[in-house]
Amino acid sequence: MNYFATGGSGLFGITPSTDQLIVLNLAAILVGVTFNAPQKVIKWGGVVVAVVSTTCAIWCGH
C-alpha cells in the first residue's frame, strides 16, 4: 500500500485516490450483499452497478 501512497504510478498506471478506494469498497460490499440473492435481477443488477461504478470511479476521473 505504501507504493500507492508515494505518488508513483500504480497498477496499470493508476494511482487511486481516497474517493476511488471508497467507491471500490462500496462496490465490493454491494456485490457481497446481492450476489446470493434468489432473484436474478437483484443478483446481476448488483454486479452490473458495482462494475459500472468502479470503472467510472477509476477511469472517468470523477
PDB file of N, CA and C in Angstrom:
ATOM      1  N   MET A   1       0.828  -1.187   0.000  1.00  0.00           N
ATOM      2  CA  MET A   1       0.000   0.000   0.000  1.00  0.00           C
ATOM      3  C   MET A   1       0.866   1.242   0.000  1.00  0.00           C
ATOM      4  N   ASN A   2       2.075   1.126   0.522  1.00  0.00           N
ATOM      5  CA  ASN A   2       2.982   2.263   0.530  1.00  0.00           C
ATOM      6  C   ASN A   2       3.315   2.693  -0.891  1.00  0.00           C
ATOM      7  N   TYR A   3       3.318   1.746  -1.824  1.00  0.00           N
ATOM      8  CA  TYR A   3       3.595   2.070  -3.222  1.00  0.00           C
ATOM      9  C   TYR A   3       2.580   3.059  -3.768  1.00  0.00           C
ATOM     10  N   PHE A   4       1.290   2.880  -3.413  1.00  0.00           N
ATOM     11  CA  PHE A   4       0.255   3.800  -3.867  1.00  0.00           C
ATOM     12  C   PHE A   4       0.378   5.158  -3.184  1.00  0.00           C
ATOM     13  N   ALA A   5       0.790   5.164  -1.934  1.00  0.00           N
ATOM     14  CA  ALA A   5       0.835   6.400  -1.159  1.00  0.00           C
ATOM     15  C   ALA A   5       2.014   7.294  -1.534  1.00  0.00           C
ATOM     16  N   THR A   6       3.008   6.744  -2.210  1.00  0.00           N
ATOM     17  CA  THR A   6       4.184   7.539  -2.532  1.00  0.00           C
ATOM     18  C   THR A   6       3.968   8.459  -3.717  1.00  0.00           C
ATOM     19  N   GLY A   7       2.860   8.345  -4.406  1.00  0.00           N
ATOM     20  CA  GLY A   7       2.592   9.209  -5.553  1.00  0.00           C
ATOM     21  C   GLY A   7       3.118   8.634  -6.855  1.00  0.00           C
ATOM     22  N   GLY A   8       3.720   7.467  -6.798  1.00  0.00           N
ATOM     23  CA  GLY A   8       4.209   6.830  -8.014  1.00  0.00           C
ATOM     24  C   GLY A   8       3.062   6.244  -8.808  1.00  0.00           C
ATOM     25  N   SER A   9       3.371   5.827  -9.984  1.00  0.00           N
ATOM     26  CA  SER A   9       2.345   5.236 -10.832  1.00  0.00           C
ATOM     27  C   SER A   9       2.000   3.844 -10.303  1.00  0.00           C
ATOM     28  N   GLY A  10       0.725   3.623 -10.070  1.00  0.00           N
ATOM     29  CA  GLY A  10       0.277   2.352  -9.519  1.00  0.00           C
ATOM     30  C   GLY A  10       0.055   1.304 -10.591  1.00  0.00           C
ATOM     31  N   LEU A  11      -0.718   0.325 -10.282  1.00  0.00           N
ATOM     32  CA  LEU A  11      -1.044  -0.759 -11.181  1.00  0.00           C
ATOM     33  C   LEU A  11      -1.734  -0.218 -12.420  1.00  0.00           C
ATOM     34  N   PHE A  12      -1.292  -0.583 -13.600  1.00  0.00           N
ATOM     35  CA  PHE A  12      -1.839  -0.126 -14.880  1.00  0.00           C
ATOM     36  C   PHE A  12      -1.763   1.390 -15.034  1.00  0.00           C
ATOM     37  N   GLY A  13      -0.830   2.024 -14.366  1.00  0.00           N
ATOM     38  CA  GLY A  13      -0.675   3.474 -14.469  1.00  0.00           C
ATOM     39  C   GLY A  13      -1.707   4.262 -13.691  1.00  0.00           C
ATOM     40  N   ILE A  14      -2.370   3.621 -12.738  1.00  0.00           N
ATOM     41  CA  ILE A  14      -3.431   4.265 -11.962  1.00  0.00           C
ATOM     42  C   ILE A  14      -2.971   4.415 -10.520  1.00  0.00           C
ATOM     43  N   THR A  15      -3.108   5.605  -9.983  1.00  0.00           N
ATOM     44  CA  THR A  15      -2.852   5.843  -8.570  1.00  0.00           C
ATOM     45  C   THR A  15      -4.192   6.216  -7.933  1.00  0.00           C
ATOM     46  N   PRO A  16      -4.794   5.318  -7.169  1.00  0.00           N
ATOM     47  CA  PRO A  16      -6.140   5.572  -6.655  1.00  0.00           C
ATOM     48  C   PRO A  16      -6.169   6.643  -5.571  1.00  0.00           C
ATOM     49  N   SER A  17      -7.202   7.465  -5.628  1.00  0.00           N
ATOM     50  CA  SER A  17      -7.422   8.456  -4.582  1.00  0.00           C
ATOM     51  C   SER A  17      -8.292   7.834  -3.491  1.00  0.00           C
ATOM     52  N   THR A  18      -8.489   8.574  -2.424  1.00  0.00           N
ATOM     53  CA  THR A  18      -9.330   8.085  -1.331  1.00  0.00           C
ATOM     54  C   THR A  18     -10.761   7.875  -1.808  1.00  0.00           C
ATOM     55  N   ASP A  19     -11.276   8.791  -2.624  1.00  0.00           N
ATOM     56  CA  ASP A  19     -12.642   8.647  -3.139  1.00  0.00           C
ATOM     57  C   ASP A  19     -12.782   7.391  -3.989  1.00  0.00           C
ATOM     58  N   GLN A  20     -11.776   7.104  -4.804  1.00  0.00           N
ATOM     59  CA  GLN A  20     -11.829   5.899  -5.626  1.00  0.00           C
ATOM     60  C   GLN A  20     -11.798   4.639  -4.775  1.00  0.00           C
ATOM     61  N   LEU A  21     -11.000   4.654  -3.728  1.00  0.00           N
ATOM     62  CA  LEU A  21     -10.947   3.488  -2.841  1.00  0.00           C
ATOM     63  C   LEU A  21     -12.259   3.289  -2.098  1.00  0.00           C
ATOM     64  N   ILE A  22     -12.927   4.380  -1.743  1.00  0.00           N
ATOM     65  CA  ILE A  22     -14.239   4.267  -1.095  1.00  0.00           C
ATOM     66  C   ILE A  22     -15.238   3.645  -2.056  1.00  0.00           C
ATOM     67  N   VAL A  23     -15.228   4.076  -3.321  1.00  0.00           N
ATOM     68  CA  VAL A  23     -16.144   3.501  -4.317  1.00  0.00           C
ATOM     69  C   VAL A  23     -15.850   2.017  -4.506  1.00  0.00           C
ATOM     70  N   LEU A  24     -14.586   1.646  -4.559  1.00  0.00           N
ATOM     71  CA  LEU A  24     -14.231   0.229  -4.709  1.00  0.00           C
ATOM     72  C   LEU A  24     -14.731  -0.606  -3.533  1.00  0.00           C
ATOM     73  N   ASN A  25     -14.576  -0.086  -2.327  1.00  0.00           N
ATOM     74  CA  ASN A  25     -15.048  -0.816  -1.145  1.00  0.00           C
ATOM     75  C   ASN A  25     -16.563  -0.931  -1.125  1.00  0.00           C
ATOM     76  N   LEU A  26     -17.260   0.141  -1.475  1.00  0.00           N
ATOM     77  CA  LEU A  26     -18.721   0.070  -1.519  1.00  0.00           C
ATOM     78  C   LEU A  26     -19.208  -0.879  -2.604  1.00  0.00           C
ATOM     79  N   ALA A  27     -18.510  -0.918  -3.738  1.00  0.00           N
ATOM     80  CA  ALA A  27     -18.870  -1.863  -4.796  1.00  0.00           C
ATOM     81  C   ALA A  27     -18.678  -3.302  -4.335  1.00  0.00           C
ATOM     82  N   ALA A  28     -17.606  -3.556  -3.595  1.00  0.00           N
ATOM     83  CA  ALA A  28     -17.372  -4.904  -3.071  1.00  0.00           C
ATOM     84  C   ALA A  28     -18.456  -5.305  -2.075  1.00  0.00           C
ATOM     85  N   ILE A  29     -18.869  -4.364  -1.246  1.00  0.00           N
ATOM     86  CA  ILE A  29     -19.954  -4.640  -0.301  1.00  0.00           C
ATOM     87  C   ILE A  29     -21.253  -4.920  -1.046  1.00  0.00           C
ATOM     88  N   LEU A  30     -21.541  -4.130  -2.086  1.00  0.00           N
ATOM     89  CA  LEU A  30     -22.760  -4.340  -2.877  1.00  0.00           C
ATOM     90  C   LEU A  30     -22.786  -5.727  -3.498  1.00  0.00           C
ATOM     91  N   VAL A  31     -21.688  -6.148  -4.082  1.00  0.00           N
ATOM     92  CA  VAL A  31     -21.632  -7.485  -4.677  1.00  0.00           C
ATOM     93  C   VAL A  31     -21.767  -8.554  -3.600  1.00  0.00           C
ATOM     94  N   GLY A  32     -21.110  -8.356  -2.484  1.00  0.00           N
ATOM     95  CA  GLY A  32     -21.190  -9.337  -1.401  1.00  0.00           C
ATOM     96  C   GLY A  32     -22.592  -9.507  -0.844  1.00  0.00           C
ATOM     97  N   VAL A  33     -23.348  -8.436  -0.812  1.00  0.00           N
ATOM     98  CA  VAL A  33     -24.701  -8.489  -0.254  1.00  0.00           C
ATOM     99  C   VAL A  33     -25.698  -9.038  -1.264  1.00  0.00           C
ATOM    100  N   THR A  34     -25.546  -8.681  -2.540  1.00  0.00           N
ATOM    101  CA  THR A  34     -26.572  -9.042  -3.526  1.00  0.00           C
ATOM    102  C   THR A  34     -26.287 -10.315  -4.294  1.00  0.00           C
ATOM    103  N   PHE A  35     -25.063 -10.832  -4.284  1.00  0.00           N
ATOM    104  CA  PHE A  35     -24.735 -11.943  -5.178  1.00  0.00           C
ATOM    105  C   PHE A  35     -25.441 -13.243  -4.811  1.00  0.00           C
ATOM    106  N   ASN A  36     -25.809 -13.444  -3.579  1.00  0.00           N
ATOM    107  CA  ASN A  36     -26.507 -14.674  -3.183  1.00  0.00           C
ATOM    108  C   ASN A  36     -28.019 -14.516  -3.167  1.00  0.00           C
ATOM    109  N   ALA A  37     -28.526 -13.425  -3.738  1.00  0.00           N
ATOM    110  CA  ALA A  37     -29.969 -13.201  -3.770  1.00  0.00           C
ATOM    111  C   ALA A  37     -30.640 -14.216  -4.697  1.00  0.00           C
ATOM    112  N   PRO A  38     -31.825 -14.698  -4.315  1.00  0.00           N
ATOM    113  CA  PRO A  38     -32.504 -15.682  -5.159  1.00  0.00           C
ATOM    114  C   PRO A  38     -33.031 -15.077  -6.470  1.00  0.00           C
ATOM    115  N   GLN A  39     -33.314 -13.780  -6.494  1.00  0.00           N
ATOM    116  CA  GLN A  39     -33.796 -13.150  -7.720  1.00  0.00           C
ATOM    117  C   GLN A  39     -32.602 -12.760  -8.591  1.00  0.00           C
ATOM    118  N   LYS A  40     -32.650 -13.168  -9.868  1.00  0.00           N
ATOM    119  CA  LYS A  40     -31.537 -12.879 -10.772  1.00  0.00           C
ATOM    120  C   LYS A  40     -31.386 -11.390 -11.031  1.00  0.00           C
ATOM    121  N   VAL A  41     -32.483 -10.639 -10.985  1.00  0.00           N
ATOM    122  CA  VAL A  41     -32.414  -9.197 -11.218  1.00  0.00           C
ATOM    123  C   VAL A  41     -31.578  -8.522 -10.135  1.00  0.00           C
ATOM    124  N   ILE A  42     -31.789  -8.903  -8.899  1.00  0.00           N
ATOM    125  CA  ILE A  42     -31.027  -8.317  -7.793  1.00  0.00           C
ATOM    126  C   ILE A  42     -29.572  -8.783  -7.859  1.00  0.00           C
ATOM    127  N   LYS A  43     -29.378 -10.076  -8.123  1.00  0.00           N
ATOM    128  CA  LYS A  43     -28.033 -10.646  -8.168  1.00  0.00           C
ATOM    129  C   LYS A  43     -27.184  -9.962  -9.236  1.00  0.00           C
ATOM    130  N   TRP A  44     -27.636  -9.978 -10.470  1.00  0.00           N
ATOM    131  CA  TRP A  44     -26.844  -9.427 -11.562  1.00  0.00           C
ATOM    132  C   TRP A  44     -26.924  -7.910 -11.622  1.00  0.00           C
ATOM    133  N   GLY A  45     -27.991  -7.332 -11.119  1.00  0.00           N
ATOM    134  CA  GLY A  45     -28.076  -5.876 -11.043  1.00  0.00           C
ATOM    135  C   GLY A  45     -27.019  -5.305 -10.121  1.00  0.00           C
ATOM    136  N   GLY A  46     -26.800  -5.958  -8.995  1.00  0.00           N
ATOM    137  CA  GLY A  46     -25.759  -5.524  -8.075  1.00  0.00           C
ATOM    138  C   GLY A  46     -24.376  -5.629  -8.686  1.00  0.00           C
ATOM    139  N   VAL A  47     -24.147  -6.697  -9.437  1.00  0.00           N
ATOM    140  CA  VAL A  47     -22.854  -6.864 -10.099  1.00  0.00           C
ATOM    141  C   VAL A  47     -22.649  -5.790 -11.159  1.00  0.00           C
ATOM    142  N   VAL A  48     -23.672  -5.530 -11.962  1.00  0.00           N
ATOM    143  CA  VAL A  48     -23.562  -4.521 -13.022  1.00  0.00           C
ATOM    144  C   VAL A  48     -23.325  -3.131 -12.430  1.00  0.00           C
ATOM    145  N   VAL A  49     -24.078  -2.771 -11.411  1.00  0.00           N
ATOM    146  CA  VAL A  49     -23.905  -1.462 -10.777  1.00  0.00           C
ATOM    147  C   VAL A  49     -22.501  -1.341 -10.184  1.00  0.00           C
ATOM    148  N   ALA A  50     -22.011  -2.392  -9.563  1.00  0.00           N
ATOM    149  CA  ALA A  50     -20.671  -2.365  -8.970  1.00  0.00           C
ATOM    150  C   ALA A  50     -19.594  -2.204 -10.035  1.00  0.00           C
ATOM    151  N   VAL A  51     -19.720  -2.918 -11.137  1.00  0.00           N
ATOM    152  CA  VAL A  51     -18.722  -2.831 -12.208  1.00  0.00           C
ATOM    153  C   VAL A  51     -18.733  -1.451 -12.858  1.00  0.00           C
ATOM    154  N   VAL A  52     -19.917  -0.931 -13.140  1.00  0.00           N
ATOM    155  CA  VAL A  52     -20.017   0.385 -13.778  1.00  0.00           C
ATOM    156  C   VAL A  52     -19.491   1.480 -12.859  1.00  0.00           C
ATOM    157  N   SER A  53     -19.862   1.449 -11.600  1.00  0.00           N
ATOM    158  CA  SER A  53     -19.407   2.494 -10.684  1.00  0.00           C
ATOM    159  C   SER A  53     -17.903   2.407 -10.444  1.00  0.00           C
ATOM    160  N   THR A  54     -17.357   1.203 -10.381  1.00  0.00           N
ATOM    161  CA  THR A  54     -15.912   1.042 -10.211  1.00  0.00           C
ATOM    162  C   THR A  54     -15.161   1.546 -11.437  1.00  0.00           C
ATOM    163  N   THR A  55     -15.633   1.173 -12.617  1.00  0.00           N
ATOM    164  CA  THR A  55     -15.000   1.620 -13.844  1.00  0.00           C
ATOM    165  C   THR A  55     -15.026   3.122 -13.969  1.00  0.00           C
ATOM    166  N   CYS A  56     -16.151   3.732 -13.666  1.00  0.00           N
ATOM    167  CA  CYS A  56     -16.275   5.182 -13.750  1.00  0.00           C
ATOM    168  C   CYS A  56     -15.402   5.874 -12.711  1.00  0.00           C
ATOM    169  N   ALA A  57     -15.332   5.330 -11.510  1.00  0.00           N
ATOM    170  CA  ALA A  57     -14.514   5.942 -10.460  1.00  0.00           C
ATOM    171  C   ALA A  57     -13.043   5.924 -10.820  1.00  0.00           C
ATOM    172  N   ILE A  58     -12.601   4.861 -11.477  1.00  0.00           N
ATOM    173  CA  ILE A  58     -11.177   4.742 -11.789  1.00  0.00           C
ATOM    174  C   ILE A  58     -10.799   5.501 -13.053  1.00  0.00           C
ATOM    175  N   TRP A  59     -11.561   5.300 -14.130  1.00  0.00           N
ATOM    176  CA  TRP A  59     -11.124   5.843 -15.410  1.00  0.00           C
ATOM    177  C   TRP A  59     -11.820   7.119 -15.863  1.00  0.00           C
ATOM    178  N   CYS A  60     -12.949   7.461 -15.316  1.00  0.00           N
ATOM    179  CA  CYS A  60     -13.638   8.691 -15.754  1.00  0.00           C
ATOM    180  C   CYS A  60     -13.110   9.925 -15.048  1.00  0.00           C
ATOM    181  N   GLY A  61     -12.409   9.765 -13.969  1.00  0.00           N
ATOM    182  CA  GLY A  61     -11.820  10.895 -13.264  1.00  0.00           C
ATOM    183  C   GLY A  61     -12.817  11.733 -12.491  1.00  0.00           C
ATOM    184  N   HIS A  62     -13.889  11.141 -12.019  1.00  0.00           N
ATOM    185  CA  HIS A  62     -14.898  11.895 -11.253  1.00  0.00           C
ATOM    186  C   HIS A  62     -14.564  11.875  -9.788  1.00  0.00           C
TER     187      HIS A  62
END
